[in-house]
Amino acid sequence: MHIGSKGWYVNELKKLGMSRYEGRKLESYKKHILANLYFDRTK
């Protein structure tokens, strides 16, 4: 898995305790949305 890929963001968000966002699985979102969620959670 490459750092910064969609799968990487999904994996990192799951490590932070997220599996869903607004009732939808993380895997159903596009990469740029996952990236924004990740950076909001890690600040």
Protein backbone atom coordinates (compact mmCIF):
# COMPACT_ATOMS: atom_id res chain seq x y z
CA MET A 1 0.00 0.00 0.00
CA HIS A 2 1.40 3.37 -0.98
CA ILE A 3 1.42 6.24 1.47
CA GLY A 4 -1.27 8.71 0.42
CA SER A 5 -3.35 6.19 -1.53
CA LYS A 6 -7.06 5.72 -0.88
CA GLY A 7 -6.42 2.41 0.87
CA TRP A 8 -3.78 4.00 3.08
CA TYR A 9 -6.19 6.73 4.20
CA VAL A 10 -8.92 4.14 4.91
CA ASN A 11 -6.45 2.07 6.96
CA GLU A 12 -5.18 5.08 8.94
CA LEU A 13 -8.70 6.32 9.70
CA LYS A 14 -9.66 2.85 10.92
CA LYS A 15 -6.62 2.92 13.23
CA LEU A 16 -8.04 6.16 14.65
CA GLY A 17 -11.33 4.40 15.37
CA MET A 18 -13.42 5.45 12.38
CA SER A 19 -15.16 2.86 10.22
CA ARG A 20 -18.03 4.99 8.97
CA TYR A 21 -18.64 8.64 8.24
CA GLU A 22 -22.16 10.07 7.99
CA GLY A 23 -23.56 6.53 7.92
CA ARG A 24 -21.47 5.37 4.95
CA LYS A 25 -18.44 3.08 4.96
CA LEU A 26 -15.13 4.85 4.45
CA GLU A 27 -14.42 2.70 1.37
CA SER A 28 -17.29 4.36 -0.51
CA TYR A 29 -15.73 7.84 -0.37
CA LYS A 30 -13.27 9.31 -2.86
CA LYS A 31 -9.66 9.86 -1.88
CA HIS A 32 -9.80 13.65 -1.48
CA ILE A 33 -12.62 13.37 1.06
CA LEU A 34 -10.71 10.72 3.02
CA ALA A 35 -7.59 12.89 2.95
CA ASN A 36 -9.51 15.85 4.39
CA LEU A 37 -11.02 13.64 7.11
CA TYR A 38 -7.58 12.28 7.99
CA PHE A 39 -5.95 15.70 8.26
CA ASP A 40 -8.88 17.04 10.32
CA ARG A 41 -8.58 14.11 12.74
CA THR A 42 -4.80 14.31 13.14
CA LYS A 43 -4.52 18.03 13.91
